[in-house]
C-alpha cells in the first residue's frame, strides 16, 4: 500500500505541477520485486530531475518545487521518505507522535534552542523551507518501523497541522472510525480553524 501527500510550494510558480510530478514518480512501480525504501528514495530523485528539467526548459518556472511525505506499508512494516514540511504522524495507544522532521530554517532554530515551538509558530519565516523536491541536491529523510494492530498513520500538509495542533488532530483520529471519515473530519476542522493553505490528508488504519 502506497500513501503519499505532496504540497506545491506557495508563492512559487507551478507548485501544483511539481507536486503532480512527484506523485507520478511514486506511482511508477517497477514490474519486478523491489525493496520499498530504495524505491521511495529513487522516486524522489527522479521527480526532482523532472522538475529541474522543466525549469531548464522554461526559466519562468525558476523556484518551482514541492514537499512530499510518502510511505509504503508492507508485511506489517512502514517504509517512509520525506522532504519539506508535510508530515507523517503515528497514533498508537492514543498518543500522537510526529515521525518526520520539518526541513525548515525554523526547525533548525527550534532544535538548537533559539526559539520555542510556540515562538516559531508565530515567526514570519515559519513557512520557509531549506529543502524541497526541485530545490536541487535534495537529500530526503527516510526510515522504517514495525506496525502494531490499531496503529493509525496520518500524512498531512501544513494546512492541516498548523491550525489544529497535535492534541486536536489526535482527538479526531480513532481506529474505530473509517479512514475516509477521519480525513473528512480533519479537513473540515482545519478549515473551521482558519487554515489559509491547502488542506490535504491521508489516513490509514492498520
Foldseek 3Di string as FASTA:
>chain_A
DKDKDKAKQPPAPPRVVLRVLLVVLLPPDDPDDDDPQVSNQVSLVVSLVVLLVVCVVPVSRPPTFMWMWMWDDDPQKIKIKTWAPWWKWKQDPLDIDTDDQHQFPLSVCCVVVVDPPVVLLPDPRNRHGPTTSNPPPHDIDIDMDGHDAFMKMKTWDCLQCSLQPDVRLSVLDGLVDDQVSSLVVSQVVSVVSPRPGDTDMGMDHD
